[in-house]
Amino acid sequence: MIIWVTGRSNSINKKETKECVSFFAHELMSNRLCSNLYIEVIYNKRLYEKDKCVGVVDSLDYYRPRDFIIEIDSNLNYESTLRALAHEMIHVKQYARGELRDYAKSKKIRWKDEIIESRAYWSMPWEKEAYGKEKKLVKNYLKFKL
């Protein structure tokens, strides 16, 4: 796995960003899949202001995604930064394992075997999974770090 970090967070350095992204990846995916990933983390001080979110992930390849860009708001505190990274890494897992796929031209999304055209953000199953797992991932990371 290659992890690249650009920008600067107010609460976490680049070395720890790489460490926790790698930890989350290995908690969520097989070693084989992890070894084929390229992940760029970009800290953006205007992300929340611009997009009204604290983190977002995008893939450079929609067919068989292995290259990802994660943007995180750089103004978050330490715990919120870890939670945002964990949340977006869950989405990386969903894309990399083929559980989640965007059909950009039609604005449809496939979640596992279901095609979803539109739903409220909080009712989307991939978001439910990400919010449901992010706290435990962070807790495990903090134990690992000790």
N, C-alpha and C. Protein backbone atom coordinates (compact mmCIF):
# COMPACT_ATOMS: atom_id res chain seq x y z
N MET A 1 0.84 -1.17 0.00
CA MET A 1 0.00 0.00 0.00
C MET A 1 0.89 1.24 0.00
N ILE A 2 0.51 2.17 -0.82
CA ILE A 2 1.21 3.44 -0.85
C ILE A 2 0.26 4.49 -0.30
N ILE A 3 0.74 5.26 0.67
CA ILE A 3 -0.07 6.31 1.27
C ILE A 3 0.70 7.61 1.13
N TRP A 4 0.05 8.60 0.57
CA TRP A 4 0.65 9.91 0.35
C TRP A 4 -0.21 10.93 1.09
N VAL A 5 0.42 11.86 1.79
CA VAL A 5 -0.32 12.87 2.55
C VAL A 5 0.10 14.25 2.08
N THR A 6 -0.88 15.09 1.74
CA THR A 6 -0.61 16.48 1.37
C THR A 6 -1.46 17.39 2.23
N GLY A 7 -1.03 18.63 2.33
CA GLY A 7 -1.71 19.56 3.22
C GLY A 7 -1.27 19.31 4.64
N ARG A 8 -1.85 20.06 5.56
CA ARG A 8 -1.47 19.95 6.96
C ARG A 8 -2.70 19.99 7.84
N SER A 9 -2.78 19.03 8.75
CA SER A 9 -3.85 18.98 9.73
C SER A 9 -3.44 19.80 10.95
N ASN A 10 -4.42 20.39 11.62
CA ASN A 10 -4.14 21.13 12.86
C ASN A 10 -3.94 20.19 14.05
N SER A 11 -4.23 18.88 13.87
CA SER A 11 -4.23 18.00 15.04
C SER A 11 -3.42 16.71 14.90
N ILE A 12 -3.00 16.35 13.70
CA ILE A 12 -2.31 15.08 13.49
C ILE A 12 -1.23 15.27 12.43
N ASN A 13 -0.06 14.70 12.65
CA ASN A 13 1.02 14.88 11.68
C ASN A 13 0.92 13.84 10.55
N LYS A 14 1.75 14.03 9.54
CA LYS A 14 1.71 13.16 8.36
C LYS A 14 2.08 11.72 8.69
N LYS A 15 3.07 11.54 9.57
CA LYS A 15 3.49 10.19 9.94
C LYS A 15 2.35 9.43 10.60
N GLU A 16 1.66 10.06 11.53
CA GLU A 16 0.55 9.37 12.19
C GLU A 16 -0.63 9.18 11.24
N THR A 17 -0.84 10.11 10.33
CA THR A 17 -1.90 9.93 9.33
C THR A 17 -1.65 8.64 8.55
N LYS A 18 -0.42 8.45 8.08
CA LYS A 18 -0.08 7.23 7.34
C LYS A 18 -0.27 5.99 8.20
N GLU A 19 0.16 6.09 9.46
CA GLU A 19 0.05 4.96 10.38
C GLU A 19 -1.42 4.56 10.59
N CYS A 20 -2.28 5.53 10.84
CA CYS A 20 -3.67 5.17 11.13
C CYS A 20 -4.41 4.74 9.86
N VAL A 21 -4.11 5.32 8.71
CA VAL A 21 -4.73 4.87 7.46
C VAL A 21 -4.33 3.42 7.18
N SER A 22 -3.07 3.10 7.37
CA SER A 22 -2.61 1.72 7.18
C SER A 22 -3.30 0.79 8.18
N PHE A 23 -3.39 1.20 9.43
CA PHE A 23 -4.05 0.39 10.45
C PHE A 23 -5.50 0.12 10.06
N PHE A 24 -6.23 1.19 9.70
CA PHE A 24 -7.64 1.02 9.32
C PHE A 24 -7.79 0.10 8.12
N ALA A 25 -6.91 0.26 7.13
CA ALA A 25 -6.97 -0.58 5.93
C ALA A 25 -6.81 -2.05 6.30
N HIS A 26 -5.83 -2.35 7.14
CA HIS A 26 -5.57 -3.75 7.51
C HIS A 26 -6.64 -4.32 8.43
N GLU A 27 -7.34 -3.47 9.16
CA GLU A 27 -8.46 -3.93 9.98
C GLU A 27 -9.67 -4.28 9.09
N LEU A 28 -9.79 -3.60 7.96
CA LEU A 28 -10.98 -3.72 7.11
C LEU A 28 -10.82 -4.66 5.92
N MET A 29 -9.59 -4.85 5.46
CA MET A 29 -9.37 -5.59 4.21
C MET A 29 -8.24 -6.59 4.36
N SER A 30 -8.17 -7.51 3.42
CA SER A 30 -7.10 -8.51 3.42
C SER A 30 -5.75 -7.85 3.10
N ASN A 31 -4.68 -8.51 3.50
CA ASN A 31 -3.34 -8.02 3.19
C ASN A 31 -3.13 -7.91 1.69
N ARG A 32 -3.67 -8.86 0.95
CA ARG A 32 -3.52 -8.86 -0.50
C ARG A 32 -4.16 -7.62 -1.12
N LEU A 33 -5.39 -7.31 -0.70
CA LEU A 33 -6.06 -6.13 -1.23
C LEU A 33 -5.33 -4.86 -0.79
N CYS A 34 -4.93 -4.80 0.47
CA CYS A 34 -4.20 -3.63 0.97
C CYS A 34 -2.93 -3.37 0.17
N SER A 35 -2.24 -4.42 -0.20
CA SER A 35 -0.97 -4.25 -0.91
C SER A 35 -1.14 -3.63 -2.30
N ASN A 36 -2.36 -3.61 -2.82
CA ASN A 36 -2.62 -3.06 -4.14
C ASN A 36 -3.26 -1.68 -4.12
N LEU A 37 -3.32 -1.05 -2.96
CA LEU A 37 -3.98 0.24 -2.84
C LEU A 37 -3.00 1.40 -2.89
N TYR A 38 -3.46 2.49 -3.50
CA TYR A 38 -2.78 3.78 -3.45
C TYR A 38 -3.78 4.75 -2.85
N ILE A 39 -3.41 5.37 -1.74
CA ILE A 39 -4.33 6.28 -1.06
C ILE A 39 -3.62 7.61 -0.84
N GLU A 40 -4.23 8.67 -1.34
CA GLU A 40 -3.73 10.01 -1.08
C GLU A 40 -4.68 10.69 -0.11
N VAL A 41 -4.14 11.17 1.00
CA VAL A 41 -4.94 11.93 1.98
C VAL A 41 -4.58 13.39 1.80
N ILE A 42 -5.61 14.20 1.57
CA ILE A 42 -5.42 15.63 1.40
C ILE A 42 -6.12 16.34 2.55
N TYR A 43 -5.35 17.11 3.31
CA TYR A 43 -5.96 17.95 4.35
C TYR A 43 -6.31 19.29 3.72
N ASN A 44 -7.57 19.65 3.85
CA ASN A 44 -8.11 20.85 3.19
C ASN A 44 -8.76 21.74 4.25
N LYS A 45 -8.23 22.93 4.43
CA LYS A 45 -8.74 23.80 5.48
C LYS A 45 -10.10 24.41 5.15
N ARG A 46 -10.56 24.26 3.93
CA ARG A 46 -11.85 24.82 3.55
C ARG A 46 -12.89 23.76 3.17
N LEU A 47 -12.62 22.51 3.49
CA LEU A 47 -13.52 21.44 3.05
C LEU A 47 -14.93 21.61 3.61
N TYR A 48 -15.04 21.82 4.92
CA TYR A 48 -16.37 21.96 5.51
C TYR A 48 -17.07 23.19 4.96
N GLU A 49 -16.33 24.26 4.85
CA GLU A 49 -16.87 25.51 4.31
C GLU A 49 -17.40 25.32 2.88
N LYS A 50 -16.65 24.57 2.09
CA LYS A 50 -16.98 24.36 0.67
C LYS A 50 -18.07 23.31 0.46
N ASP A 51 -17.92 22.14 1.10
CA ASP A 51 -18.80 21.00 0.83
C ASP A 51 -19.74 20.62 1.96
N LYS A 52 -19.64 21.30 3.10
CA LYS A 52 -20.47 20.99 4.28
C LYS A 52 -20.29 19.56 4.76
N CYS A 53 -19.05 19.07 4.66
CA CYS A 53 -18.71 17.75 5.20
C CYS A 53 -17.29 17.80 5.73
N VAL A 54 -16.93 16.85 6.58
CA VAL A 54 -15.59 16.84 7.17
C VAL A 54 -14.66 15.87 6.46
N GLY A 55 -15.21 15.02 5.60
CA GLY A 55 -14.39 14.07 4.85
C GLY A 55 -15.12 13.59 3.61
N VAL A 56 -14.34 13.24 2.60
CA VAL A 56 -14.90 12.71 1.37
C VAL A 56 -13.86 11.82 0.71
N VAL A 57 -14.33 10.78 0.02
CA VAL A 57 -13.41 9.89 -0.69
C VAL A 57 -13.86 9.80 -2.15
N ASP A 58 -12.88 9.70 -3.03
CA ASP A 58 -13.16 9.53 -4.45
C ASP A 58 -12.15 8.53 -4.99
N SER A 59 -12.57 7.80 -6.00
CA SER A 59 -11.68 6.84 -6.66
C SER A 59 -11.32 7.37 -8.03
N LEU A 60 -10.10 7.09 -8.44
CA LEU A 60 -9.65 7.50 -9.76
C LEU A 60 -10.06 6.50 -10.83
N ASP A 61 -10.57 5.34 -10.41
CA ASP A 61 -10.97 4.28 -11.34
C ASP A 61 -12.28 3.69 -10.83
N TYR A 62 -13.33 3.85 -11.59
CA TYR A 62 -14.64 3.36 -11.13
C TYR A 62 -14.86 1.89 -11.44
N TYR A 63 -14.09 1.32 -12.37
CA TYR A 63 -14.32 -0.08 -12.73
C TYR A 63 -13.79 -1.02 -11.65
N ARG A 64 -12.52 -0.87 -11.32
CA ARG A 64 -11.89 -1.71 -10.30
C ARG A 64 -11.02 -0.82 -9.42
N PRO A 65 -11.67 -0.07 -8.53
CA PRO A 65 -10.95 0.98 -7.80
C PRO A 65 -9.85 0.45 -6.88
N ARG A 66 -8.66 1.04 -7.06
CA ARG A 66 -7.52 0.75 -6.19
C ARG A 66 -6.80 2.05 -5.80
N ASP A 67 -7.08 3.12 -6.54
CA ASP A 67 -6.47 4.43 -6.28
C ASP A 67 -7.53 5.36 -5.71
N PHE A 68 -7.24 5.93 -4.54
CA PHE A 68 -8.24 6.74 -3.85
C PHE A 68 -7.66 8.06 -3.38
N ILE A 69 -8.51 9.06 -3.36
CA ILE A 69 -8.19 10.35 -2.77
C ILE A 69 -9.18 10.59 -1.64
N ILE A 70 -8.64 10.80 -0.45
CA ILE A 70 -9.45 11.12 0.71
C ILE A 70 -9.16 12.56 1.09
N GLU A 71 -10.20 13.37 1.16
CA GLU A 71 -10.04 14.75 1.64
C GLU A 71 -10.62 14.84 3.03
N ILE A 72 -9.88 15.46 3.93
CA ILE A 72 -10.29 15.64 5.32
C ILE A 72 -10.15 17.12 5.68
N ASP A 73 -11.14 17.66 6.39
CA ASP A 73 -11.04 19.04 6.84
C ASP A 73 -9.88 19.14 7.84
N SER A 74 -8.98 20.06 7.60
CA SER A 74 -7.77 20.16 8.42
C SER A 74 -8.00 20.86 9.76
N ASN A 75 -9.17 21.41 9.97
CA ASN A 75 -9.45 22.14 11.21
C ASN A 75 -10.04 21.27 12.31
N LEU A 76 -10.19 19.98 12.07
CA LEU A 76 -10.79 19.08 13.06
C LEU A 76 -9.82 18.83 14.21
N ASN A 77 -10.39 18.51 15.39
CA ASN A 77 -9.54 18.11 16.51
C ASN A 77 -9.04 16.69 16.27
N TYR A 78 -8.18 16.21 17.15
CA TYR A 78 -7.53 14.91 16.96
C TYR A 78 -8.53 13.76 16.80
N GLU A 79 -9.46 13.63 17.74
CA GLU A 79 -10.42 12.52 17.68
C GLU A 79 -11.33 12.61 16.46
N SER A 80 -11.76 13.81 16.12
CA SER A 80 -12.62 13.98 14.93
C SER A 80 -11.86 13.66 13.65
N THR A 81 -10.57 13.98 13.63
CA THR A 81 -9.75 13.64 12.45
C THR A 81 -9.64 12.13 12.32
N LEU A 82 -9.38 11.44 13.43
CA LEU A 82 -9.30 9.97 13.38
C LEU A 82 -10.63 9.37 12.93
N ARG A 83 -11.74 9.89 13.45
CA ARG A 83 -13.05 9.37 13.07
C ARG A 83 -13.34 9.62 11.59
N ALA A 84 -12.96 10.79 11.09
CA ALA A 84 -13.18 11.09 9.67
C ALA A 84 -12.33 10.16 8.79
N LEU A 85 -11.08 9.94 9.18
CA LEU A 85 -10.22 9.01 8.43
C LEU A 85 -10.78 7.60 8.46
N ALA A 86 -11.23 7.15 9.63
CA ALA A 86 -11.82 5.81 9.75
C ALA A 86 -13.05 5.69 8.86
N HIS A 87 -13.91 6.69 8.92
CA HIS A 87 -15.15 6.70 8.13
C HIS A 87 -14.83 6.58 6.63
N GLU A 88 -13.90 7.39 6.17
CA GLU A 88 -13.56 7.38 4.74
C GLU A 88 -12.85 6.09 4.35
N MET A 89 -12.07 5.51 5.25
CA MET A 89 -11.43 4.22 4.95
C MET A 89 -12.46 3.10 4.86
N ILE A 90 -13.55 3.20 5.57
CA ILE A 90 -14.63 2.22 5.41
C ILE A 90 -15.20 2.33 4.00
N HIS A 91 -15.33 3.56 3.50
CA HIS A 91 -15.78 3.72 2.10
C HIS A 91 -14.74 3.19 1.12
N VAL A 92 -13.46 3.36 1.41
CA VAL A 92 -12.41 2.78 0.56
C VAL A 92 -12.61 1.28 0.48
N LYS A 93 -12.82 0.65 1.63
CA LYS A 93 -13.07 -0.80 1.67
C LYS A 93 -14.28 -1.16 0.83
N GLN A 94 -15.35 -0.38 0.95
CA GLN A 94 -16.58 -0.66 0.20
C GLN A 94 -16.34 -0.59 -1.31
N TYR A 95 -15.61 0.42 -1.75
CA TYR A 95 -15.29 0.54 -3.18
C TYR A 95 -14.32 -0.55 -3.63
N ALA A 96 -13.26 -0.76 -2.87
CA ALA A 96 -12.21 -1.71 -3.28
C ALA A 96 -12.73 -3.14 -3.35
N ARG A 97 -13.66 -3.49 -2.48
CA ARG A 97 -14.21 -4.84 -2.48
C ARG A 97 -15.43 -4.98 -3.41
N GLY A 98 -15.79 -3.91 -4.10
CA GLY A 98 -16.91 -3.97 -5.04
C GLY A 98 -18.28 -3.94 -4.38
N GLU A 99 -18.33 -3.58 -3.11
CA GLU A 99 -19.63 -3.48 -2.41
C GLU A 99 -20.38 -2.23 -2.82
N LEU A 100 -19.64 -1.18 -3.15
CA LEU A 100 -20.21 0.12 -3.50
C LEU A 100 -19.65 0.55 -4.84
N ARG A 101 -20.53 0.98 -5.72
CA ARG A 101 -20.09 1.45 -7.03
C ARG A 101 -20.96 2.63 -7.47
N ASP A 102 -20.31 3.70 -7.89
CA ASP A 102 -21.01 4.87 -8.44
C ASP A 102 -21.11 4.72 -9.95
N TYR A 103 -22.28 5.01 -10.46
CA TYR A 103 -22.46 5.10 -11.91
C TYR A 103 -22.63 6.58 -12.21
N ALA A 104 -21.52 7.26 -12.44
CA ALA A 104 -21.49 8.72 -12.52
C ALA A 104 -22.44 9.29 -13.57
N LYS A 105 -22.51 8.68 -14.74
CA LYS A 105 -23.35 9.23 -15.80
C LYS A 105 -24.83 9.16 -15.46
N SER A 106 -25.26 8.09 -14.82
CA SER A 106 -26.68 7.92 -14.53
C SER A 106 -27.06 8.39 -13.13
N LYS A 107 -26.08 8.77 -12.33
CA LYS A 107 -26.29 9.21 -10.95
C LYS A 107 -26.92 8.11 -10.09
N LYS A 108 -26.68 6.87 -10.47
CA LYS A 108 -27.15 5.74 -9.67
C LYS A 108 -25.97 5.17 -8.90
N ILE A 109 -26.29 4.48 -7.84
CA ILE A 109 -25.28 3.85 -7.01
C ILE A 109 -25.69 2.41 -6.78
N ARG A 110 -24.70 1.51 -6.88
CA ARG A 110 -24.97 0.11 -6.57
C ARG A 110 -24.36 -0.19 -5.21
N TRP A 111 -25.19 -0.66 -4.30
CA TRP A 111 -24.74 -1.13 -3.00
C TRP A 111 -25.00 -2.62 -2.95
N LYS A 112 -23.92 -3.37 -2.94
CA LYS A 112 -23.97 -4.83 -3.00
C LYS A 112 -24.77 -5.22 -4.24
N ASP A 113 -25.99 -5.76 -4.13
CA ASP A 113 -26.75 -6.14 -5.32
C ASP A 113 -27.94 -5.24 -5.60
N GLU A 114 -28.01 -4.10 -4.94
CA GLU A 114 -29.16 -3.21 -5.07
C GLU A 114 -28.76 -1.90 -5.77
N ILE A 115 -29.55 -1.49 -6.76
CA ILE A 115 -29.34 -0.20 -7.43
C ILE A 115 -30.17 0.84 -6.69
N ILE A 116 -29.49 1.92 -6.28
CA ILE A 116 -30.15 2.98 -5.51
C ILE A 116 -30.05 4.27 -6.29
N GLU A 117 -31.21 4.89 -6.53
CA GLU A 117 -31.21 6.14 -7.28
C GLU A 117 -31.07 7.35 -6.38
N SER A 118 -31.83 7.42 -5.32
CA SER A 118 -31.65 8.53 -4.37
C SER A 118 -32.32 8.18 -3.05
N ARG A 119 -31.69 8.61 -2.00
CA ARG A 119 -32.18 8.42 -0.64
C ARG A 119 -31.63 9.54 0.21
N ALA A 120 -32.20 9.71 1.36
CA ALA A 120 -31.65 10.66 2.32
C ALA A 120 -30.28 10.14 2.77
N TYR A 121 -29.35 11.05 2.96
CA TYR A 121 -27.97 10.69 3.32
C TYR A 121 -27.91 9.68 4.46
N TRP A 122 -28.61 9.93 5.54
CA TRP A 122 -28.52 9.09 6.74
C TRP A 122 -29.14 7.71 6.54
N SER A 123 -29.96 7.53 5.52
CA SER A 123 -30.57 6.22 5.30
C SER A 123 -29.81 5.36 4.30
N MET A 124 -28.74 5.89 3.74
CA MET A 124 -27.95 5.12 2.78
C MET A 124 -27.19 4.01 3.52
N PRO A 125 -27.30 2.77 3.06
CA PRO A 125 -26.70 1.65 3.80
C PRO A 125 -25.19 1.74 3.94
N TRP A 126 -24.48 2.29 2.96
CA TRP A 126 -23.03 2.42 3.07
C TRP A 126 -22.65 3.45 4.12
N GLU A 127 -23.49 4.47 4.30
CA GLU A 127 -23.22 5.46 5.37
C GLU A 127 -23.54 4.86 6.74
N LYS A 128 -24.60 4.07 6.81
CA LYS A 128 -24.92 3.40 8.07
C LYS A 128 -23.76 2.51 8.51
N GLU A 129 -23.18 1.78 7.55
CA GLU A 129 -22.04 0.92 7.88
C GLU A 129 -20.86 1.76 8.35
N ALA A 130 -20.57 2.84 7.63
CA ALA A 130 -19.41 3.66 7.98
C ALA A 130 -19.58 4.30 9.36
N TYR A 131 -20.74 4.87 9.61
CA TYR A 131 -20.96 5.47 10.93
C TYR A 131 -20.99 4.40 12.03
N GLY A 132 -21.48 3.23 11.71
CA GLY A 132 -21.55 2.16 12.68
C GLY A 132 -20.21 1.58 13.08
N LYS A 133 -19.22 1.66 12.19
CA LYS A 133 -17.90 1.04 12.45
C LYS A 133 -16.80 2.02 12.82
N GLU A 134 -16.99 3.30 12.55
CA GLU A 134 -15.88 4.25 12.71
C GLU A 134 -15.38 4.35 14.15
N LYS A 135 -16.29 4.38 15.13
CA LYS A 135 -15.87 4.52 16.54
C LYS A 135 -15.02 3.34 17.00
N LYS A 136 -15.44 2.13 16.62
CA LYS A 136 -14.68 0.93 17.02
C LYS A 136 -13.30 0.92 16.37
N LEU A 137 -13.21 1.33 15.11
CA LEU A 137 -11.91 1.40 14.44
C LEU A 137 -10.98 2.35 15.17
N VAL A 138 -11.50 3.52 15.55
CA VAL A 138 -10.68 4.50 16.25
C VAL A 138 -10.26 3.96 17.61
N LYS A 139 -11.18 3.33 18.32
CA LYS A 139 -10.86 2.74 19.63
C LYS A 139 -9.75 1.70 19.49
N ASN A 140 -9.85 0.83 18.48
CA ASN A 140 -8.82 -0.19 18.25
C ASN A 140 -7.48 0.44 17.89
N TYR A 141 -7.52 1.51 17.09
CA TYR A 141 -6.28 2.20 16.72
C TYR A 141 -5.61 2.79 17.95
N LEU A 142 -6.38 3.43 18.80
CA LEU A 142 -5.81 4.06 19.99
C LEU A 142 -5.21 3.02 20.94
N LYS A 143 -5.83 1.83 21.03
CA LYS A 143 -5.26 0.73 21.83
C LYS A 143 -3.95 0.26 21.20
N PHE A 144 -3.95 0.10 19.88
CA PHE A 144 -2.77 -0.34 19.14
C PHE A 144 -1.61 0.64 19.34
N LYS A 145 -1.94 1.92 19.34
CA LYS A 145 -0.93 2.97 19.42
C LYS A 145 -0.22 2.98 20.78
N LEU A 146 -0.91 2.55 21.82
CA LEU A 146 -0.31 2.52 23.17
C LEU A 146 0.75 1.49 23.18
